[in-house]
Amino acid sequence: MTLTELISKLDERFTIINLSDDADQRQLSKVFCCDLLSFAMARNPADSVWVTVMGNVNTIGVMSLTDGAAVIIAENAAIDEIAAKKAVEQNIAVIKTALPVFETALTIHELIK
């Protein structure tokens, strides 16, 4: 499933903050959940959808380093203005939801599989 296909299946509980330019080609591999940035930097798989509550510029940096497909900021956590701007600059897909991390990950997992 591509990132564009996933986004087309998301309901009103999800808000697109930024969509990457390669969303049509980006094949999704799996869901990854983590709120410890150093751990995510070492283990976030390429082409994954990372679910976290960390909505800062460092999260965008980790996404860039790990080549993740999209980051979902769960639990209605804030994504700061600097991070949102950096996501546009770095071509990182960012989605936001009020859903808990587990429910978000389960929803995405079911849609991908």
C-alpha atoms as a PDB file:
ATOM      1  CA  MET A   1       0.000   0.000   0.000  1.00  0.00           C
ATOM      2  CA  THR A   2       1.267   3.466  -0.813  1.00  0.00           C
ATOM      3  CA  LEU A   3       1.119   6.403   1.539  1.00  0.00           C
ATOM      4  CA  THR A   4      -1.460   8.044  -0.727  1.00  0.00           C
ATOM      5  CA  GLU A   5      -3.648   4.924  -0.562  1.00  0.00           C
ATOM      6  CA  LEU A   6      -3.388   4.870   3.231  1.00  0.00           C
ATOM      7  CA  ILE A   7      -4.324   8.527   3.506  1.00  0.00           C
ATOM      8  CA  SER A   8      -7.364   7.987   1.292  1.00  0.00           C
ATOM      9  CA  LYS A   9      -8.609   5.388   3.799  1.00  0.00           C
ATOM     10  CA  LEU A  10      -8.157   7.553   6.897  1.00  0.00           C
ATOM     11  CA  ASP A  11     -11.293   9.001   8.440  1.00  0.00           C
ATOM     12  CA  GLU A  12     -12.012  12.356  10.077  1.00  0.00           C
ATOM     13  CA  ARG A  13     -10.034  11.367  13.181  1.00  0.00           C
ATOM     14  CA  PHE A  14      -6.837  12.012  11.207  1.00  0.00           C
ATOM     15  CA  THR A  15      -5.568  15.394   9.987  1.00  0.00           C
ATOM     16  CA  ILE A  16      -2.856  15.763   7.368  1.00  0.00           C
ATOM     17  CA  ILE A  17      -0.289  18.336   8.507  1.00  0.00           C
ATOM     18  CA  ASN A  18       2.071  17.769   5.569  1.00  0.00           C
ATOM     19  CA  LEU A  19       2.035  15.326   2.680  1.00  0.00           C
ATOM     20  CA  SER A  20       5.353  14.284   1.168  1.00  0.00           C
ATOM     21  CA  ASP A  21       5.948  14.685  -2.561  1.00  0.00           C
ATOM     22  CA  ASP A  22       6.591  10.957  -2.982  1.00  0.00           C
ATOM     23  CA  ALA A  23       3.363   9.783  -1.300  1.00  0.00           C
ATOM     24  CA  ASP A  24       2.146   8.122  -4.519  1.00  0.00           C
ATOM     25  CA  GLN A  25       5.266   5.966  -4.781  1.00  0.00           C
ATOM     26  CA  ARG A  26       6.085   5.410  -1.099  1.00  0.00           C
ATOM     27  CA  GLN A  27       5.286   1.783  -0.217  1.00  0.00           C
ATOM     28  CA  LEU A  28       4.532   1.331   3.491  1.00  0.00           C
ATOM     29  CA  SER A  29       6.327  -1.446   5.343  1.00  0.00           C
ATOM     30  CA  LYS A  30       4.979  -1.463   8.906  1.00  0.00           C
ATOM     31  CA  VAL A  31       3.938   0.555  11.922  1.00  0.00           C
ATOM     32  CA  PHE A  32       6.524   1.588  14.505  1.00  0.00           C
ATOM     33  CA  CYS A  33       5.683   3.028  17.946  1.00  0.00           C
ATOM     34  CA  CYS A  34       8.198   4.808  20.141  1.00  0.00           C
ATOM     35  CA  ASP A  35       8.575   8.054  22.085  1.00  0.00           C
ATOM     36  CA  LEU A  36      12.297   7.822  22.815  1.00  0.00           C
ATOM     37  CA  LEU A  37      14.018   9.614  19.950  1.00  0.00           C
ATOM     38  CA  SER A  38      17.404   7.878  20.270  1.00  0.00           C
ATOM     39  CA  PHE A  39      15.673   4.486  20.220  1.00  0.00           C
ATOM     40  CA  ALA A  40      13.582   5.505  17.210  1.00  0.00           C
ATOM     41  CA  MET A  41      16.688   6.762  15.429  1.00  0.00           C
ATOM     42  CA  ALA A  42      18.265   3.331  15.789  1.00  0.00           C
ATOM     43  CA  ARG A  43      15.192   1.199  15.075  1.00  0.00           C
ATOM     44  CA  ASN A  44      12.572   3.001  12.999  1.00  0.00           C
ATOM     45  CA  PRO A  45      12.394   0.931   9.794  1.00  0.00           C
ATOM     46  CA  ALA A  46      12.563   2.612   6.403  1.00  0.00           C
ATOM     47  CA  ASP A  47       9.138   3.141   4.838  1.00  0.00           C
ATOM     48  CA  SER A  48       7.382   2.747   8.193  1.00  0.00           C
ATOM     49  CA  VAL A  49       4.594   4.780   9.725  1.00  0.00           C
ATOM     50  CA  TRP A  50       5.933   6.010  13.059  1.00  0.00           C
ATOM     51  CA  VAL A  51       3.358   6.713  15.782  1.00  0.00           C
ATOM     52  CA  THR A  52       4.568   8.980  18.580  1.00  0.00           C
ATOM     53  CA  VAL A  53       3.522  11.837  20.858  1.00  0.00           C
ATOM     54  CA  MET A  54       6.719  13.764  20.155  1.00  0.00           C
ATOM     55  CA  GLY A  55       5.741  16.670  17.932  1.00  0.00           C
ATOM     56  CA  ASN A  56       8.982  18.605  17.822  1.00  0.00           C
ATOM     57  CA  VAL A  57      11.682  19.309  15.269  1.00  0.00           C
ATOM     58  CA  ASN A  58      13.811  16.416  16.546  1.00  0.00           C
ATOM     59  CA  THR A  59      11.074  13.983  15.484  1.00  0.00           C
ATOM     60  CA  ILE A  60      11.289  15.379  11.959  1.00  0.00           C
ATOM     61  CA  GLY A  61      15.073  14.968  12.087  1.00  0.00           C
ATOM     62  CA  VAL A  62      14.745  11.309  13.100  1.00  0.00           C
ATOM     63  CA  MET A  63      12.267  10.731  10.262  1.00  0.00           C
ATOM     64  CA  SER A  64      14.741  12.207   7.814  1.00  0.00           C
ATOM     65  CA  LEU A  65      17.580  10.018   9.111  1.00  0.00           C
ATOM     66  CA  THR A  66      15.568   6.786   9.157  1.00  0.00           C
ATOM     67  CA  ASP A  67      13.721   7.319   5.866  1.00  0.00           C
ATOM     68  CA  GLY A  68      10.344   6.624   7.442  1.00  0.00           C
ATOM     69  CA  ALA A  69       7.303   7.121   5.233  1.00  0.00           C
ATOM     70  CA  ALA A  70       5.179   9.163   7.657  1.00  0.00           C
ATOM     71  CA  VAL A  71       4.954  10.186  11.270  1.00  0.00           C
ATOM     72  CA  ILE A  72       1.642  10.284  13.102  1.00  0.00           C
ATOM     73  CA  ILE A  73       1.443  12.504  16.160  1.00  0.00           C
ATOM     74  CA  ALA A  74      -1.067  10.742  18.428  1.00  0.00           C
ATOM     75  CA  GLU A  75      -2.918  11.576  21.649  1.00  0.00           C
ATOM     76  CA  ASN A  76      -3.705  15.061  20.319  1.00  0.00           C
ATOM     77  CA  ALA A  77      -0.125  16.046  21.158  1.00  0.00           C
ATOM     78  CA  ALA A  78       0.947  19.359  19.723  1.00  0.00           C
ATOM     79  CA  ILE A  79       3.232  19.639  16.739  1.00  0.00           C
ATOM     80  CA  ASP A  80       5.103  22.878  17.109  1.00  0.00           C
ATOM     81  CA  GLU A  81       5.384  25.432  14.320  1.00  0.00           C
ATOM     82  CA  ILE A  82       9.105  24.830  13.828  1.00  0.00           C
ATOM     83  CA  ALA A  83       8.527  21.088  13.371  1.00  0.00           C
ATOM     84  CA  ALA A  84       5.677  21.665  10.912  1.00  0.00           C
ATOM     85  CA  LYS A  85       7.849  24.022   8.872  1.00  0.00           C
ATOM     86  CA  LYS A  86      10.783  21.592   8.937  1.00  0.00           C
ATOM     87  CA  ALA A  87       8.488  18.770   7.753  1.00  0.00           C
ATOM     88  CA  VAL A  88       7.677  20.820   4.661  1.00  0.00           C
ATOM     89  CA  GLU A  89      11.370  21.626   4.081  1.00  0.00           C
ATOM     90  CA  GLN A  90      12.451  17.990   4.579  1.00  0.00           C
ATOM     91  CA  ASN A  91       9.507  16.523   2.612  1.00  0.00           C
ATOM     92  CA  ILE A  92       8.289  14.500   5.623  1.00  0.00           C
ATOM     93  CA  ALA A  93       4.654  13.363   5.790  1.00  0.00           C
ATOM     94  CA  VAL A  94       3.048  14.325   9.100  1.00  0.00           C
ATOM     95  CA  ILE A  95      -0.414  13.289  10.272  1.00  0.00           C
ATOM     96  CA  LYS A  96      -2.118  14.156  13.553  1.00  0.00           C
ATOM     97  CA  THR A  97      -4.823  12.395  15.551  1.00  0.00           C
ATOM     98  CA  ALA A  98      -6.430  12.517  18.976  1.00  0.00           C
ATOM     99  CA  LEU A  99      -6.455   8.723  19.124  1.00  0.00           C
ATOM    100  CA  PRO A 100      -4.225   6.974  21.667  1.00  0.00           C
ATOM    101  CA  VAL A 101      -0.937   5.565  20.379  1.00  0.00           C
ATOM    102  CA  PHE A 102      -2.122   1.936  20.511  1.00  0.00           C
ATOM    103  CA  GLU A 103      -5.405   2.599  18.739  1.00  0.00           C
ATOM    104  CA  THR A 104      -3.614   4.694  16.115  1.00  0.00           C
ATOM    105  CA  ALA A 105      -1.048   1.966  15.469  1.00  0.00           C
ATOM    106  CA  LEU A 106      -3.698  -0.739  15.318  1.00  0.00           C
ATOM    107  CA  THR A 107      -5.795   1.285  12.868  1.00  0.00           C
ATOM    108  CA  ILE A 108      -2.803   1.891  10.585  1.00  0.00           C
ATOM    109  CA  HIS A 109      -1.630  -1.710  10.870  1.00  0.00           C
ATOM    110  CA  GLU A 110      -5.058  -3.026   9.839  1.00  0.00           C
ATOM    111  CA  LEU A 111      -5.199  -0.648   6.891  1.00  0.00           C
ATOM    112  CA  ILE A 112      -1.702  -1.566   5.669  1.00  0.00           C
ATOM    113  CA  LYS A 113      -2.254  -5.336   5.929  1.00  0.00           C
END
